[in-house]
C-alpha cells in the first residue's frame, strides 16, 4: 500500500464524499477514484459502498485506524514542484520572409486583379 493511496482513502473516509475529498487533496476526481480502486484491489475487498450515499464497509472501517497510523509514521510529503513558465523557443518556419503585420497586406502575396 502506498502512502498516497492511504491518504486518499482517509480523506474520502472522513468526508464520505469523493468530489469534496478530491478538492481538499488538490487532485483530480479521476485520480482519486483510480487510487481507491487500486487500494481496494490490494486489500481484496471494497472499502466504500457507492450508490446514493458513500459509506465505509466493514473492511474500510477496519483499515481506517491502520491507515491513519501508517500516515502518521510516514514522513511529510515534499512540496510540489512547479515547472517554470515559458518554454523552448521555436524555430521560425518561414523562408526568410518578413512577418505579417496586422492590417497590412502580406508582402509576398500579389493582389488579385479583376
N, C-alpha and C. Protein backbone atom coordinates (compact mmCIF):
# COMPACT_ATOMS: atom_id res chain seq x y z
N UNK A 1 0.83 -1.17 0.00
CA UNK A 1 0.00 0.00 0.00
C UNK A 1 0.88 1.24 0.00
N UNK A 2 0.58 2.14 -0.87
CA UNK A 2 1.33 3.38 -0.95
C UNK A 2 0.71 4.41 -0.01
N UNK A 3 1.55 5.29 0.49
CA UNK A 3 1.09 6.31 1.43
C UNK A 3 0.08 7.23 0.76
N UNK A 4 0.29 7.57 -0.51
CA UNK A 4 -0.67 8.45 -1.19
C UNK A 4 -2.04 7.79 -1.29
N UNK A 5 -2.07 6.49 -1.55
CA UNK A 5 -3.35 5.79 -1.60
C UNK A 5 -4.03 5.82 -0.23
N UNK A 6 -3.24 5.65 0.83
CA UNK A 6 -3.81 5.70 2.17
C UNK A 6 -4.31 7.10 2.52
N UNK A 7 -3.57 8.12 2.09
CA UNK A 7 -4.03 9.50 2.32
C UNK A 7 -5.35 9.75 1.60
N UNK A 8 -5.44 9.25 0.37
CA UNK A 8 -6.69 9.40 -0.39
C UNK A 8 -7.83 8.68 0.32
N UNK A 9 -7.56 7.48 0.79
CA UNK A 9 -8.58 6.69 1.48
C UNK A 9 -9.07 7.40 2.74
N UNK A 10 -8.14 7.93 3.54
CA UNK A 10 -8.52 8.60 4.78
C UNK A 10 -9.33 9.87 4.48
N UNK A 11 -8.95 10.60 3.44
CA UNK A 11 -9.69 11.82 3.10
C UNK A 11 -11.12 11.50 2.70
N UNK A 12 -11.30 10.44 1.89
CA UNK A 12 -12.65 10.06 1.47
C UNK A 12 -13.43 9.51 2.67
N UNK A 13 -12.76 8.76 3.54
CA UNK A 13 -13.43 8.19 4.71
C UNK A 13 -13.89 9.29 5.67
N UNK A 14 -13.12 10.37 5.77
CA UNK A 14 -13.51 11.45 6.67
C UNK A 14 -14.63 12.30 6.09
N UNK A 15 -14.57 12.56 4.79
CA UNK A 15 -15.57 13.41 4.17
C UNK A 15 -16.80 12.63 3.69
N UNK A 16 -16.61 11.34 3.38
CA UNK A 16 -17.65 10.48 2.81
C UNK A 16 -18.27 11.10 1.56
N UNK A 17 -17.40 11.77 0.79
CA UNK A 17 -17.84 12.41 -0.45
C UNK A 17 -16.61 12.53 -1.35
N UNK A 18 -16.62 11.83 -2.48
CA UNK A 18 -15.43 11.79 -3.34
C UNK A 18 -15.05 13.16 -3.90
N UNK A 19 -15.99 13.94 -4.47
CA UNK A 19 -15.58 15.24 -5.02
C UNK A 19 -15.00 16.20 -3.97
N UNK A 20 -15.57 16.24 -2.77
CA UNK A 20 -15.02 17.12 -1.73
C UNK A 20 -13.64 16.64 -1.28
N UNK A 21 -13.46 15.33 -1.21
CA UNK A 21 -12.15 14.79 -0.83
C UNK A 21 -11.11 15.12 -1.90
N UNK A 22 -11.48 15.00 -3.17
CA UNK A 22 -10.55 15.33 -4.25
C UNK A 22 -10.17 16.80 -4.21
N UNK A 23 -11.14 17.65 -3.90
CA UNK A 23 -10.86 19.09 -3.82
C UNK A 23 -9.92 19.39 -2.65
N UNK A 24 -10.14 18.75 -1.52
CA UNK A 24 -9.28 19.02 -0.36
C UNK A 24 -7.87 18.48 -0.56
N UNK A 25 -7.73 17.40 -1.33
CA UNK A 25 -6.41 16.83 -1.60
C UNK A 25 -5.71 17.52 -2.77
N UNK A 26 -6.47 18.33 -3.51
CA UNK A 26 -5.95 19.01 -4.70
C UNK A 26 -5.51 18.01 -5.77
N UNK A 27 -6.36 16.99 -5.98
CA UNK A 27 -6.13 16.01 -7.05
C UNK A 27 -7.41 15.93 -7.88
N UNK A 28 -7.29 15.39 -9.07
CA UNK A 28 -8.48 15.24 -9.91
C UNK A 28 -9.35 14.10 -9.37
N UNK A 29 -10.61 14.18 -9.70
CA UNK A 29 -11.56 13.17 -9.23
C UNK A 29 -11.22 11.80 -9.82
N UNK A 30 -10.80 11.77 -11.08
CA UNK A 30 -10.43 10.50 -11.72
C UNK A 30 -9.22 9.87 -11.03
N UNK A 31 -8.25 10.69 -10.65
CA UNK A 31 -7.06 10.17 -9.95
C UNK A 31 -7.45 9.60 -8.60
N UNK A 32 -8.39 10.25 -7.92
CA UNK A 32 -8.84 9.77 -6.62
C UNK A 32 -9.56 8.43 -6.76
N UNK A 33 -10.46 8.34 -7.74
CA UNK A 33 -11.18 7.08 -7.97
C UNK A 33 -10.21 5.94 -8.29
N UNK A 34 -9.25 6.19 -9.17
CA UNK A 34 -8.32 5.12 -9.55
C UNK A 34 -7.43 4.72 -8.37
N UNK A 35 -7.06 5.68 -7.54
CA UNK A 35 -6.24 5.37 -6.37
C UNK A 35 -7.02 4.48 -5.40
N UNK A 36 -8.28 4.80 -5.16
CA UNK A 36 -9.11 4.00 -4.26
C UNK A 36 -9.34 2.61 -4.84
N UNK A 37 -9.55 2.53 -6.15
CA UNK A 37 -9.76 1.23 -6.80
C UNK A 37 -8.52 0.35 -6.67
N UNK A 38 -7.32 0.94 -6.85
CA UNK A 38 -6.09 0.16 -6.70
C UNK A 38 -5.92 -0.33 -5.27
N UNK A 39 -6.27 0.51 -4.31
CA UNK A 39 -6.19 0.12 -2.90
C UNK A 39 -7.18 -1.01 -2.61
N UNK A 40 -8.37 -0.93 -3.17
CA UNK A 40 -9.36 -1.99 -2.98
C UNK A 40 -8.89 -3.31 -3.58
N UNK A 41 -8.19 -3.24 -4.72
CA UNK A 41 -7.64 -4.45 -5.33
C UNK A 41 -6.56 -5.06 -4.44
N UNK A 42 -5.74 -4.23 -3.82
CA UNK A 42 -4.69 -4.74 -2.92
C UNK A 42 -5.30 -5.39 -1.69
N UNK A 43 -6.31 -4.74 -1.13
CA UNK A 43 -6.95 -5.26 0.08
C UNK A 43 -7.77 -6.50 -0.25
N UNK A 44 -8.41 -6.49 -1.41
CA UNK A 44 -9.22 -7.63 -1.82
C UNK A 44 -10.68 -7.49 -1.47
N UNK A 45 -11.06 -6.36 -0.91
CA UNK A 45 -12.46 -6.10 -0.53
C UNK A 45 -12.80 -4.66 -0.89
N UNK A 46 -14.07 -4.39 -1.17
CA UNK A 46 -14.46 -2.99 -1.37
C UNK A 46 -14.38 -2.23 -0.05
N UNK A 47 -13.92 -0.98 -0.11
CA UNK A 47 -13.76 -0.18 1.09
C UNK A 47 -14.93 0.79 1.30
N UNK A 48 -15.65 1.09 0.24
CA UNK A 48 -16.78 2.01 0.31
C UNK A 48 -17.98 1.40 -0.40
N UNK A 49 -19.17 1.71 0.11
CA UNK A 49 -20.39 1.37 -0.63
C UNK A 49 -20.71 2.60 -1.46
N UNK A 50 -20.79 2.41 -2.75
CA UNK A 50 -21.08 3.53 -3.65
C UNK A 50 -22.51 3.38 -4.13
N UNK A 51 -23.12 4.45 -4.28
CA UNK A 51 -24.51 4.45 -4.72
C UNK A 51 -25.07 5.82 -4.40
N UNK A 52 -26.23 5.84 -3.77
CA UNK A 52 -26.80 7.12 -3.39
C UNK A 52 -25.99 7.81 -2.31
N UNK A 53 -25.41 7.03 -1.42
CA UNK A 53 -24.66 7.59 -0.30
C UNK A 53 -23.35 6.81 -0.14
N UNK A 54 -22.25 7.51 0.03
CA UNK A 54 -20.96 6.86 0.22
C UNK A 54 -20.78 6.53 1.70
N UNK A 55 -20.53 5.24 1.97
CA UNK A 55 -20.31 4.80 3.35
C UNK A 55 -19.15 3.82 3.37
N UNK A 56 -18.52 3.68 4.53
CA UNK A 56 -17.44 2.71 4.71
C UNK A 56 -18.03 1.31 4.87
N UNK A 57 -17.36 0.33 4.29
CA UNK A 57 -17.74 -1.06 4.52
C UNK A 57 -17.01 -1.54 5.77
N UNK A 58 -17.23 -2.80 6.15
CA UNK A 58 -16.53 -3.35 7.32
C UNK A 58 -15.03 -3.34 7.09
N UNK A 59 -14.61 -3.71 5.87
CA UNK A 59 -13.18 -3.72 5.56
C UNK A 59 -12.61 -2.30 5.65
N UNK A 60 -13.37 -1.31 5.18
CA UNK A 60 -12.93 0.08 5.25
C UNK A 60 -12.81 0.56 6.68
N UNK A 61 -13.76 0.15 7.53
CA UNK A 61 -13.73 0.54 8.94
C UNK A 61 -12.52 -0.07 9.64
N UNK A 62 -12.17 -1.30 9.28
CA UNK A 62 -11.00 -1.95 9.88
C UNK A 62 -9.69 -1.33 9.39
N UNK A 63 -9.68 -0.88 8.14
CA UNK A 63 -8.45 -0.33 7.56
C UNK A 63 -8.18 1.10 8.01
N UNK A 64 -9.20 1.84 8.38
CA UNK A 64 -9.05 3.26 8.69
C UNK A 64 -8.05 3.55 9.82
N UNK A 65 -8.12 2.90 10.98
CA UNK A 65 -7.12 3.20 12.03
C UNK A 65 -5.69 2.83 11.61
N UNK A 66 -5.56 1.72 10.90
CA UNK A 66 -4.23 1.31 10.43
C UNK A 66 -3.68 2.33 9.42
N UNK A 67 -4.54 2.81 8.55
CA UNK A 67 -4.12 3.80 7.55
C UNK A 67 -3.68 5.08 8.24
N UNK A 68 -4.41 5.52 9.25
CA UNK A 68 -4.03 6.73 9.98
C UNK A 68 -2.69 6.55 10.68
N UNK A 69 -2.45 5.37 11.25
CA UNK A 69 -1.17 5.09 11.91
C UNK A 69 -0.02 5.14 10.92
N UNK A 70 -0.20 4.51 9.76
CA UNK A 70 0.87 4.50 8.76
C UNK A 70 1.15 5.89 8.22
N UNK A 71 0.10 6.69 8.06
CA UNK A 71 0.30 8.06 7.59
C UNK A 71 1.05 8.88 8.63
N UNK A 72 0.74 8.67 9.91
CA UNK A 72 1.42 9.40 10.98
C UNK A 72 2.90 9.02 11.05
N UNK A 73 3.22 7.76 10.78
CA UNK A 73 4.61 7.30 10.83
C UNK A 73 5.42 7.76 9.62
N UNK A 74 4.74 7.96 8.51
CA UNK A 74 5.44 8.31 7.26
C UNK A 74 5.92 9.76 7.31
N UNK A 75 7.01 10.05 6.59
CA UNK A 75 7.49 11.43 6.53
C UNK A 75 6.49 12.31 5.77
N UNK A 76 6.50 13.58 6.08
CA UNK A 76 5.59 14.53 5.43
C UNK A 76 5.94 14.63 3.95
N UNK A 77 4.93 14.79 3.10
CA UNK A 77 5.23 14.90 1.67
C UNK A 77 5.95 16.21 1.36
N UNK A 78 6.84 16.15 0.39
CA UNK A 78 7.59 17.34 0.00
C UNK A 78 6.71 18.29 -0.79
N UNK A 79 7.15 19.52 -0.94
CA UNK A 79 6.35 20.48 -1.70
C UNK A 79 6.28 20.09 -3.17
N UNK A 80 5.17 20.44 -3.79
CA UNK A 80 5.01 20.13 -5.21
C UNK A 80 5.93 21.04 -6.02
N UNK A 81 6.62 20.46 -6.97
CA UNK A 81 7.48 21.26 -7.82
C UNK A 81 6.66 21.83 -8.96
N UNK A 82 6.86 23.10 -9.21
CA UNK A 82 6.13 23.78 -10.27
C UNK A 82 7.10 24.04 -11.40
N UNK A 83 6.70 23.65 -12.60
CA UNK A 83 7.56 23.87 -13.75
C UNK A 83 7.65 25.37 -14.02
N UNK A 84 8.83 25.85 -14.38
CA UNK A 84 8.96 27.28 -14.66
C UNK A 84 8.14 27.68 -15.88
N UNK A 85 7.68 28.91 -15.89
CA UNK A 85 6.88 29.40 -17.00
C UNK A 85 7.76 29.54 -18.24
N UNK A 86 7.12 29.55 -19.36
CA UNK A 86 7.85 29.68 -20.61
C UNK A 86 8.14 28.33 -21.18
N UNK A 87 8.94 28.30 -22.17
CA UNK A 87 9.25 27.03 -22.76
C UNK A 87 10.36 27.18 -23.77
N UNK A 88 10.50 26.18 -24.54
CA UNK A 88 11.54 26.15 -25.55
C UNK A 88 11.17 27.06 -26.71
N UNK A 89 12.11 27.86 -27.14
CA UNK A 89 11.85 28.74 -28.27
C UNK A 89 11.72 27.90 -29.54
N UNK A 90 10.75 28.26 -30.35
CA UNK A 90 10.53 27.51 -31.59
C UNK A 90 11.29 28.17 -32.73
N UNK A 91 11.77 27.36 -33.60
CA UNK A 91 12.46 27.87 -34.78
C UNK A 91 11.42 28.42 -35.75
N UNK A 92 11.80 29.47 -36.46
CA UNK A 92 10.86 30.03 -37.44
C UNK A 92 10.68 29.05 -38.58
N UNK A 93 9.47 28.99 -39.11
CA UNK A 93 9.18 28.03 -40.15
C UNK A 93 9.15 28.67 -41.54
N UNK A 94 9.43 29.95 -41.61
CA UNK A 94 9.36 30.62 -42.90
C UNK A 94 10.63 30.44 -43.72
N UNK A 95 10.65 31.09 -44.87
CA UNK A 95 11.84 31.03 -45.74
C UNK A 95 12.50 32.39 -45.78
N UNK A 96 12.58 33.04 -44.64
CA UNK A 96 13.22 34.33 -44.60
C UNK A 96 12.28 35.48 -44.91
N UNK A 97 11.01 35.24 -44.98
CA UNK A 97 10.07 36.32 -45.28
C UNK A 97 9.87 37.19 -44.05
N UNK A 98 9.42 38.38 -44.25
CA UNK A 98 9.13 39.25 -43.13
C UNK A 98 7.82 38.83 -42.50
N UNK A 99 7.67 39.06 -41.22
CA UNK A 99 6.42 38.66 -40.58
C UNK A 99 5.26 39.53 -41.03
N UNK A 100 4.08 38.95 -41.01
CA UNK A 100 2.89 39.68 -41.42
C UNK A 100 2.49 40.65 -40.32
N UNK A 101 2.12 41.87 -40.71
CA UNK A 101 1.68 42.88 -39.77
C UNK A 101 0.17 42.97 -39.89
N UNK A 102 -0.49 43.01 -38.73
CA UNK A 102 -1.94 43.03 -38.73
C UNK A 102 -2.45 44.28 -39.43
N UNK A 103 -3.39 44.10 -40.34
CA UNK A 103 -3.98 45.22 -41.06
C UNK A 103 -3.26 45.55 -42.36
N UNK A 104 -2.13 44.96 -42.58
CA UNK A 104 -1.36 45.22 -43.80
C UNK A 104 -1.46 44.01 -44.72
N UNK A 105 -1.44 44.22 -46.02
CA UNK A 105 -1.44 43.06 -46.92
C UNK A 105 -0.12 42.31 -46.78
N UNK A 106 -0.17 41.04 -46.99
CA UNK A 106 1.04 40.23 -46.87
C UNK A 106 2.00 40.61 -47.99
N UNK A 107 3.27 40.84 -47.69
CA UNK A 107 4.21 41.34 -48.69
C UNK A 107 4.50 40.36 -49.82
N UNK A 108 4.33 39.09 -49.58
CA UNK A 108 4.66 38.11 -50.61
C UNK A 108 3.45 37.69 -51.42
N UNK A 109 2.28 38.20 -51.10
CA UNK A 109 1.07 37.87 -51.85
C UNK A 109 0.78 38.99 -52.82
N UNK A 110 0.47 38.62 -54.04
CA UNK A 110 0.09 39.62 -55.03
C UNK A 110 -1.42 39.78 -54.96
N UNK A 111 -1.86 40.99 -55.10
CA UNK A 111 -3.29 41.24 -55.07
C UNK A 111 -3.90 40.75 -56.37
N UNK A 112 -5.04 40.18 -56.27
CA UNK A 112 -5.70 39.63 -57.44
C UNK A 112 -6.46 40.78 -58.14
N UNK A 113 -6.18 40.93 -59.39
CA UNK A 113 -6.88 41.97 -60.16
C UNK A 113 -8.21 41.43 -60.68
N UNK A 114 -9.07 42.34 -61.07
CA UNK A 114 -10.38 41.92 -61.58
C UNK A 114 -10.42 41.91 -63.06
